[in-house]
């Protein structure tokens, strides 16, 4: 009988669990322990996926930023070159006009129109005497 009572007491201890003996996970209720681990795993894999995406796309984004910066610089250079081209076109137009041809003939070649007198400023030490064989004067010398 003694053994049967001892066995009975042992069976009752194992069959009935008291709330004091339960662990924290068991006190939360059924199925909560697995969900907590599941969320931890999901968060870990989502974080890992985010890090991998950054690792793959960050170099591409940096290259995009560098190319956009280079594009801006090239557009500024293009604007400067277009302005320079416009200035050169204006100079070509001026140099091909009759006003420039006349001005260049007067200043560089010393030519005058018929009926005008040529007046040259004298610079000290740089004046040359008139040629002795010229009898007609300055106007006749330039094709008058």
N, C-alpha and C. Protein backbone atom coordinates (compact mmCIF):
# COMPACT_ATOMS: atom_id res chain seq x y z
N UNK A 1 0.79 -1.17 0.00
CA UNK A 1 0.00 0.00 0.00
C UNK A 1 0.85 1.26 0.00
N UNK A 2 1.88 1.13 0.65
CA UNK A 2 2.77 2.26 0.69
C UNK A 2 3.27 2.64 -0.68
N UNK A 3 3.58 1.68 -1.41
CA UNK A 3 4.08 1.95 -2.76
C UNK A 3 2.99 2.53 -3.63
N UNK A 4 1.82 2.04 -3.49
CA UNK A 4 0.74 2.56 -4.32
C UNK A 4 0.42 4.00 -3.97
N UNK A 5 0.50 4.37 -2.70
CA UNK A 5 0.27 5.76 -2.31
C UNK A 5 1.39 6.65 -2.87
N UNK A 6 2.59 6.15 -2.80
CA UNK A 6 3.72 6.92 -3.31
C UNK A 6 3.60 7.08 -4.82
N UNK A 7 3.17 6.04 -5.50
CA UNK A 7 2.98 6.13 -6.94
C UNK A 7 1.84 7.06 -7.27
N UNK A 8 0.79 7.00 -6.48
CA UNK A 8 -0.34 7.89 -6.71
C UNK A 8 0.07 9.35 -6.53
N UNK A 9 0.85 9.61 -5.52
CA UNK A 9 1.28 10.99 -5.27
C UNK A 9 2.19 11.48 -6.40
N UNK A 10 3.02 10.57 -6.85
CA UNK A 10 3.93 10.93 -7.96
C UNK A 10 3.13 11.19 -9.22
N UNK A 11 2.11 10.42 -9.49
CA UNK A 11 1.28 10.59 -10.67
C UNK A 11 0.50 11.90 -10.60
N UNK A 12 0.02 12.24 -9.44
CA UNK A 12 -0.72 13.49 -9.30
C UNK A 12 0.19 14.69 -9.48
N UNK A 13 1.41 14.58 -9.03
CA UNK A 13 2.34 15.71 -9.18
C UNK A 13 2.65 15.98 -10.64
N UNK A 14 2.82 14.94 -11.39
CA UNK A 14 3.16 15.12 -12.79
C UNK A 14 1.96 15.47 -13.63
N UNK A 15 0.79 15.02 -13.27
CA UNK A 15 -0.40 15.26 -14.07
C UNK A 15 -0.94 16.67 -13.88
N UNK A 16 -0.88 17.18 -12.71
CA UNK A 16 -1.45 18.50 -12.43
C UNK A 16 -0.31 19.48 -12.23
N UNK A 17 -0.34 20.51 -13.07
CA UNK A 17 0.68 21.55 -12.93
C UNK A 17 0.04 22.75 -12.27
N UNK A 18 0.71 23.28 -11.37
CA UNK A 18 0.19 24.46 -10.70
C UNK A 18 0.70 25.70 -11.40
N UNK A 19 0.00 26.82 -11.32
CA UNK A 19 0.44 28.03 -12.01
C UNK A 19 1.80 28.54 -11.57
N UNK A 20 2.24 28.20 -10.37
CA UNK A 20 3.54 28.69 -9.91
C UNK A 20 4.68 28.01 -10.67
N UNK A 21 4.45 26.79 -11.13
CA UNK A 21 5.50 26.05 -11.81
C UNK A 21 5.61 26.39 -13.29
N UNK A 22 4.69 27.06 -13.86
CA UNK A 22 4.73 27.36 -15.30
C UNK A 22 5.83 28.38 -15.61
N UNK A 23 6.41 28.23 -16.75
CA UNK A 23 7.41 29.20 -17.18
C UNK A 23 6.71 30.44 -17.75
N UNK A 24 7.48 31.43 -18.08
CA UNK A 24 6.91 32.67 -18.61
C UNK A 24 6.21 32.42 -19.94
N UNK A 25 6.81 31.64 -20.81
CA UNK A 25 6.21 31.36 -22.10
C UNK A 25 4.89 30.62 -21.94
N UNK A 26 4.84 29.71 -21.02
CA UNK A 26 3.62 28.93 -20.81
C UNK A 26 2.52 29.80 -20.23
N UNK A 27 2.85 30.81 -19.46
CA UNK A 27 1.84 31.69 -18.87
C UNK A 27 1.20 32.60 -19.91
N UNK A 28 1.90 32.90 -21.01
CA UNK A 28 1.35 33.78 -22.04
C UNK A 28 0.17 33.16 -22.77
N UNK A 29 0.16 31.94 -22.89
CA UNK A 29 -0.93 31.28 -23.58
C UNK A 29 -0.39 30.41 -24.70
N UNK A 30 -1.26 29.63 -25.28
CA UNK A 30 -0.81 28.71 -26.32
C UNK A 30 -0.46 29.44 -27.61
N UNK A 31 0.66 29.08 -28.22
CA UNK A 31 1.05 29.60 -29.52
C UNK A 31 1.81 30.91 -29.50
N UNK A 32 1.97 31.55 -28.39
CA UNK A 32 2.66 32.85 -28.37
C UNK A 32 4.16 32.70 -28.44
N UNK A 33 4.71 31.64 -27.95
CA UNK A 33 6.16 31.46 -27.97
C UNK A 33 6.66 31.32 -29.40
N UNK A 34 5.96 30.61 -30.25
CA UNK A 34 6.38 30.42 -31.63
C UNK A 34 6.23 31.68 -32.45
N UNK A 35 5.21 32.48 -32.17
CA UNK A 35 5.00 33.72 -32.93
C UNK A 35 6.08 34.73 -32.61
N UNK A 36 6.54 34.76 -31.38
CA UNK A 36 7.59 35.70 -31.01
C UNK A 36 8.87 35.39 -31.78
N UNK A 37 9.22 34.12 -31.85
CA UNK A 37 10.41 33.72 -32.61
C UNK A 37 10.22 33.97 -34.10
N UNK A 38 9.00 33.79 -34.58
CA UNK A 38 8.71 34.01 -35.99
C UNK A 38 8.91 35.48 -36.35
N UNK A 39 8.45 36.38 -35.50
CA UNK A 39 8.63 37.81 -35.76
C UNK A 39 10.10 38.21 -35.69
N UNK A 40 10.84 37.58 -34.79
CA UNK A 40 12.28 37.87 -34.72
C UNK A 40 12.97 37.45 -36.01
N UNK A 41 12.60 36.27 -36.51
CA UNK A 41 13.20 35.79 -37.76
C UNK A 41 12.82 36.69 -38.93
N UNK A 42 11.55 37.07 -38.99
CA UNK A 42 11.10 37.96 -40.07
C UNK A 42 11.84 39.30 -40.02
N UNK A 43 11.96 39.86 -38.83
CA UNK A 43 12.66 41.14 -38.69
C UNK A 43 14.12 41.00 -39.11
N UNK A 44 14.74 39.89 -38.74
CA UNK A 44 16.13 39.67 -39.12
C UNK A 44 16.28 39.59 -40.64
N UNK A 45 15.41 38.81 -41.28
CA UNK A 45 15.51 38.65 -42.73
C UNK A 45 15.13 39.94 -43.46
N UNK A 46 14.19 40.70 -42.94
CA UNK A 46 13.87 42.00 -43.55
C UNK A 46 15.04 42.96 -43.43
N UNK A 47 15.69 42.96 -42.28
CA UNK A 47 16.87 43.80 -42.10
C UNK A 47 18.00 43.38 -43.02
N UNK A 48 18.19 42.08 -43.14
CA UNK A 48 19.22 41.56 -44.03
C UNK A 48 18.92 41.93 -45.48
N UNK A 49 17.65 41.84 -45.88
CA UNK A 49 17.26 42.21 -47.25
C UNK A 49 17.50 43.70 -47.48
N UNK A 50 17.20 44.53 -46.48
CA UNK A 50 17.42 45.97 -46.62
C UNK A 50 18.91 46.28 -46.77
N UNK A 51 19.74 45.62 -45.99
CA UNK A 51 21.20 45.84 -46.10
C UNK A 51 21.70 45.40 -47.47
N UNK A 52 21.23 44.27 -47.96
CA UNK A 52 21.66 43.80 -49.29
C UNK A 52 21.20 44.74 -50.40
N UNK A 53 19.97 45.24 -50.28
CA UNK A 53 19.49 46.20 -51.29
C UNK A 53 20.34 47.46 -51.29
N UNK A 54 20.67 47.93 -50.10
CA UNK A 54 21.54 49.12 -50.02
C UNK A 54 22.91 48.82 -50.62
N UNK A 55 23.42 47.62 -50.34
CA UNK A 55 24.73 47.27 -50.87
C UNK A 55 24.73 47.20 -52.39
N UNK A 56 23.61 46.77 -52.98
CA UNK A 56 23.54 46.67 -54.44
C UNK A 56 23.22 48.01 -55.09
N UNK A 57 22.32 48.78 -54.51
CA UNK A 57 21.84 49.99 -55.17
C UNK A 57 22.58 51.26 -54.78
N UNK A 58 23.30 51.27 -53.69
CA UNK A 58 24.02 52.47 -53.29
C UNK A 58 25.11 52.84 -54.29
N UNK A 59 25.93 51.90 -54.79
CA UNK A 59 26.92 52.29 -55.80
C UNK A 59 26.26 52.84 -57.08
N UNK A 60 25.13 52.28 -57.45
CA UNK A 60 24.43 52.80 -58.64
C UNK A 60 23.93 54.22 -58.39
N UNK A 61 23.42 54.48 -57.20
CA UNK A 61 22.93 55.82 -56.88
C UNK A 61 24.08 56.82 -56.85
N UNK A 62 25.20 56.42 -56.30
CA UNK A 62 26.37 57.31 -56.26
C UNK A 62 26.83 57.62 -57.68
N UNK A 63 26.86 56.62 -58.54
CA UNK A 63 27.26 56.85 -59.93
C UNK A 63 26.26 57.77 -60.63
N UNK A 64 24.97 57.62 -60.33
CA UNK A 64 23.95 58.50 -60.90
C UNK A 64 24.20 59.94 -60.47
N UNK A 65 24.49 60.14 -59.19
CA UNK A 65 24.76 61.49 -58.70
C UNK A 65 25.98 62.08 -59.39
N UNK A 66 27.03 61.28 -59.57
CA UNK A 66 28.23 61.78 -60.22
C UNK A 66 27.95 62.15 -61.68
N UNK A 67 27.18 61.31 -62.38
CA UNK A 67 26.85 61.61 -63.77
C UNK A 67 25.97 62.85 -63.89
N UNK A 68 25.05 63.05 -62.94
CA UNK A 68 24.23 64.26 -62.97
C UNK A 68 25.09 65.49 -62.75
N UNK A 69 26.06 65.40 -61.86
CA UNK A 69 26.97 66.52 -61.63
C UNK A 69 27.78 66.82 -62.89
N UNK A 70 28.28 65.78 -63.53
CA UNK A 70 29.05 65.95 -64.76
C UNK A 70 28.17 66.53 -65.87
N UNK A 71 26.92 66.10 -65.92
CA UNK A 71 25.98 66.63 -66.92
C UNK A 71 25.76 68.12 -66.70
N UNK A 72 25.61 68.54 -65.45
CA UNK A 72 25.46 69.96 -65.16
C UNK A 72 26.67 70.77 -65.59
N UNK A 73 27.86 70.23 -65.33
CA UNK A 73 29.09 70.92 -65.74
C UNK A 73 29.17 71.03 -67.26
N UNK A 74 28.82 69.96 -67.95
CA UNK A 74 28.87 69.98 -69.41
C UNK A 74 27.83 70.93 -70.00
N UNK A 75 26.67 71.04 -69.36
CA UNK A 75 25.66 71.99 -69.84
C UNK A 75 26.14 73.42 -69.65
N UNK A 76 26.81 73.70 -68.53
CA UNK A 76 27.39 75.04 -68.32
C UNK A 76 28.45 75.34 -69.36
N UNK A 77 29.28 74.34 -69.66
CA UNK A 77 30.33 74.52 -70.68
C UNK A 77 29.70 74.75 -72.05
N UNK A 78 28.60 74.04 -72.33
CA UNK A 78 27.91 74.22 -73.60
C UNK A 78 27.37 75.64 -73.72
N UNK A 79 26.78 76.17 -72.65
CA UNK A 79 26.27 77.54 -72.68
C UNK A 79 27.40 78.53 -72.93
N UNK A 80 28.55 78.31 -72.27
CA UNK A 80 29.69 79.21 -72.48
C UNK A 80 30.18 79.14 -73.93
N UNK A 81 30.23 77.94 -74.49
CA UNK A 81 30.68 77.80 -75.88
C UNK A 81 29.68 78.41 -76.86
N UNK A 82 28.38 78.30 -76.57
CA UNK A 82 27.38 78.93 -77.44
C UNK A 82 27.51 80.45 -77.39
N UNK A 83 27.79 81.00 -76.21
CA UNK A 83 28.00 82.45 -76.09
C UNK A 83 29.25 82.87 -76.87
N UNK A 84 30.31 82.07 -76.75
CA UNK A 84 31.54 82.37 -77.50
C UNK A 84 31.28 82.28 -79.00
N UNK A 85 30.51 81.30 -79.44
CA UNK A 85 30.19 81.17 -80.86
C UNK A 85 29.40 82.39 -81.35
N UNK A 86 28.48 82.85 -80.54
CA UNK A 86 27.69 84.03 -80.91
C UNK A 86 28.59 85.26 -81.04
N UNK A 87 29.55 85.41 -80.12
CA UNK A 87 30.47 86.54 -80.20
C UNK A 87 31.34 86.45 -81.45
N UNK A 88 31.79 85.26 -81.78
CA UNK A 88 32.61 85.07 -82.98
C UNK A 88 31.80 85.38 -84.24
N UNK A 89 30.52 84.97 -84.26
CA UNK A 89 29.66 85.29 -85.40
C UNK A 89 29.50 86.80 -85.56
N UNK A 90 29.36 87.50 -84.44
CA UNK A 90 29.26 88.96 -84.50
C UNK A 90 30.56 89.57 -85.03
N UNK A 91 31.70 89.04 -84.59
CA UNK A 91 32.98 89.55 -85.09
C UNK A 91 33.12 89.28 -86.59
N UNK A 92 32.70 88.11 -87.03
CA UNK A 92 32.77 87.79 -88.47
C UNK A 92 31.90 88.76 -89.26
N UNK A 93 30.72 89.03 -88.73
CA UNK A 93 29.84 90.00 -89.40
C UNK A 93 30.46 91.38 -89.47
N UNK A 94 31.13 91.80 -88.38
CA UNK A 94 31.76 93.12 -88.36
C UNK A 94 32.96 93.16 -89.31
N UNK A 95 33.79 92.12 -89.29
CA UNK A 95 34.97 92.12 -90.14
C UNK A 95 34.64 92.02 -91.62
N UNK A 96 33.48 91.51 -91.95
CA UNK A 96 33.12 91.43 -93.37
C UNK A 96 32.31 92.65 -93.83
N UNK A 97 32.05 93.58 -92.94
CA UNK A 97 31.27 94.77 -93.32
C UNK A 97 32.17 95.80 -94.00
N UNK A 98 31.53 96.72 -94.71
CA UNK A 98 32.26 97.79 -95.39
C UNK A 98 32.88 98.77 -94.40
N UNK A 99 32.25 98.97 -93.27
CA UNK A 99 32.79 99.89 -92.26
C UNK A 99 34.15 99.42 -91.76
N UNK A 100 34.30 98.12 -91.52
CA UNK A 100 35.59 97.61 -91.05
C UNK A 100 36.65 97.72 -92.15
N UNK A 101 36.26 97.42 -93.38
CA UNK A 101 37.22 97.49 -94.48
C UNK A 101 37.75 98.92 -94.61
N UNK A 102 36.85 99.88 -94.52
CA UNK A 102 37.27 101.28 -94.62
C UNK A 102 38.14 101.67 -93.45
N UNK A 103 37.76 101.26 -92.25
CA UNK A 103 38.54 101.59 -91.05
C UNK A 103 39.92 100.96 -91.11
N UNK A 104 40.00 99.72 -91.54
CA UNK A 104 41.29 99.05 -91.64
C UNK A 104 42.16 99.69 -92.71
N UNK A 105 41.56 100.10 -93.82
CA UNK A 105 42.33 100.75 -94.88
C UNK A 105 42.89 102.08 -94.38
N UNK A 106 42.13 102.79 -93.59
CA UNK A 106 42.60 104.09 -93.08
C UNK A 106 43.70 103.90 -92.03
N UNK A 107 43.47 102.98 -91.07
CA UNK A 107 44.42 102.85 -89.97
C UNK A 107 45.65 102.04 -90.35
N UNK A 108 45.46 100.91 -90.96
CA UNK A 108 46.59 100.02 -91.20
C UNK A 108 47.37 100.37 -92.47
N UNK A 109 46.65 100.79 -93.51
CA UNK A 109 47.32 101.05 -94.78
C UNK A 109 47.58 102.54 -95.03
N UNK A 110 46.94 103.39 -94.26
CA UNK A 110 47.15 104.83 -94.42
C UNK A 110 46.45 105.39 -95.64
N UNK A 111 45.42 104.76 -96.15
CA UNK A 111 44.71 105.25 -97.32
C UNK A 111 43.70 106.32 -96.91
N UNK A 112 43.42 107.25 -97.85
CA UNK A 112 42.42 108.30 -97.61
C UNK A 112 41.48 108.35 -98.80
N UNK A 113 40.32 108.93 -98.56
CA UNK A 113 39.36 109.11 -99.65
C UNK A 113 39.78 110.31 -100.48
N UNK A 114 39.31 110.37 -101.73
CA UNK A 114 39.66 111.53 -102.55
C UNK A 114 39.13 112.81 -101.91
N UNK A 115 39.98 113.81 -101.84
CA UNK A 115 39.62 115.10 -101.29
C UNK A 115 39.99 115.23 -99.81
N UNK A 116 40.41 114.15 -99.16
CA UNK A 116 40.80 114.22 -97.74
C UNK A 116 42.31 114.36 -97.65
N UNK A 117 42.75 114.98 -96.58
CA UNK A 117 44.18 115.12 -96.32
C UNK A 117 44.57 114.15 -95.21
N UNK A 118 45.69 113.49 -95.37
CA UNK A 118 46.18 112.55 -94.38
C UNK A 118 46.96 113.29 -93.32
N UNK A 119 46.56 113.11 -92.09
CA UNK A 119 47.26 113.73 -90.98
C UNK A 119 47.77 112.60 -90.10
N UNK A 120 49.08 112.53 -89.93
CA UNK A 120 49.69 111.51 -89.10
C UNK A 120 50.28 112.17 -87.87
N UNK A 121 50.05 111.63 -86.70
CA UNK A 121 50.66 112.22 -85.50
C UNK A 121 52.15 111.93 -85.50
N UNK A 122 52.90 112.91 -85.09
CA UNK A 122 54.35 112.77 -85.08
C UNK A 122 54.77 112.23 -83.73
N UNK A 123 55.63 111.25 -83.78
CA UNK A 123 56.20 110.70 -82.56
C UNK A 123 57.66 111.10 -82.52
N UNK A 124 58.14 111.56 -81.39
CA UNK A 124 59.54 112.01 -81.33
C UNK A 124 60.50 110.86 -81.66
N UNK A 125 61.37 111.13 -82.58
CA UNK A 125 62.39 110.18 -82.98
C UNK A 125 61.89 109.13 -83.97
N UNK A 126 60.62 109.12 -84.29
CA UNK A 126 60.09 108.12 -85.20
C UNK A 126 59.66 108.73 -86.52
N UNK A 127 59.89 110.01 -86.74
CA UNK A 127 59.48 110.64 -87.99
C UNK A 127 60.52 110.38 -89.06
N UNK A 128 60.01 110.23 -90.26
CA UNK A 128 60.89 110.02 -91.40
C UNK A 128 60.70 111.19 -92.36
N UNK A 129 61.74 111.60 -92.98
CA UNK A 129 61.59 112.70 -93.94
C UNK A 129 60.85 112.21 -95.18
N UNK A 130 60.20 113.13 -95.84
CA UNK A 130 59.46 112.82 -97.07
C UNK A 130 60.46 112.47 -98.16
N UNK A 131 60.08 111.57 -99.04
CA UNK A 131 60.99 111.25 -100.13
C UNK A 131 61.21 112.48 -101.04
N UNK A 132 62.40 112.62 -101.58
CA UNK A 132 62.75 113.79 -102.36
C UNK A 132 62.19 113.72 -103.77
N UNK A 133 61.92 112.57 -104.29
CA UNK A 133 61.45 112.47 -105.66
C UNK A 133 59.95 112.69 -105.77
N UNK A 134 59.24 112.89 -104.67
CA UNK A 134 57.79 113.09 -104.70
C UNK A 134 57.51 114.58 -104.84
N UNK A 135 57.03 115.00 -106.01
CA UNK A 135 56.77 116.40 -106.29
C UNK A 135 55.30 116.78 -106.13
N UNK A 136 54.41 115.78 -106.15
CA UNK A 136 52.99 116.11 -106.21
C UNK A 136 52.36 116.28 -104.84
N UNK A 137 52.93 115.80 -103.78
CA UNK A 137 52.35 115.94 -102.45
C UNK A 137 51.84 114.60 -101.93
N UNK A 138 51.23 114.68 -100.80
CA UNK A 138 50.78 113.47 -100.12
C UNK A 138 49.57 112.86 -100.81
N UNK A 139 48.61 113.68 -101.21
CA UNK A 139 47.38 113.15 -101.82
C UNK A 139 47.69 112.40 -103.09
N UNK A 140 48.62 112.86 -103.89
CA UNK A 140 48.99 112.19 -105.11
C UNK A 140 49.74 110.88 -104.85
N UNK A 141 50.38 110.82 -103.72
CA UNK A 141 51.17 109.64 -103.40
C UNK A 141 50.28 108.43 -103.12
N UNK A 142 49.07 108.65 -102.62
CA UNK A 142 48.20 107.53 -102.25
C UNK A 142 47.20 107.20 -103.33
N UNK A 143 47.40 107.56 -104.50
CA UNK A 143 46.56 107.13 -105.60
C UNK A 143 45.46 108.12 -105.93
N UNK A 144 45.65 109.35 -105.65
CA UNK A 144 44.63 110.35 -105.94
C UNK A 144 44.51 110.69 -107.37
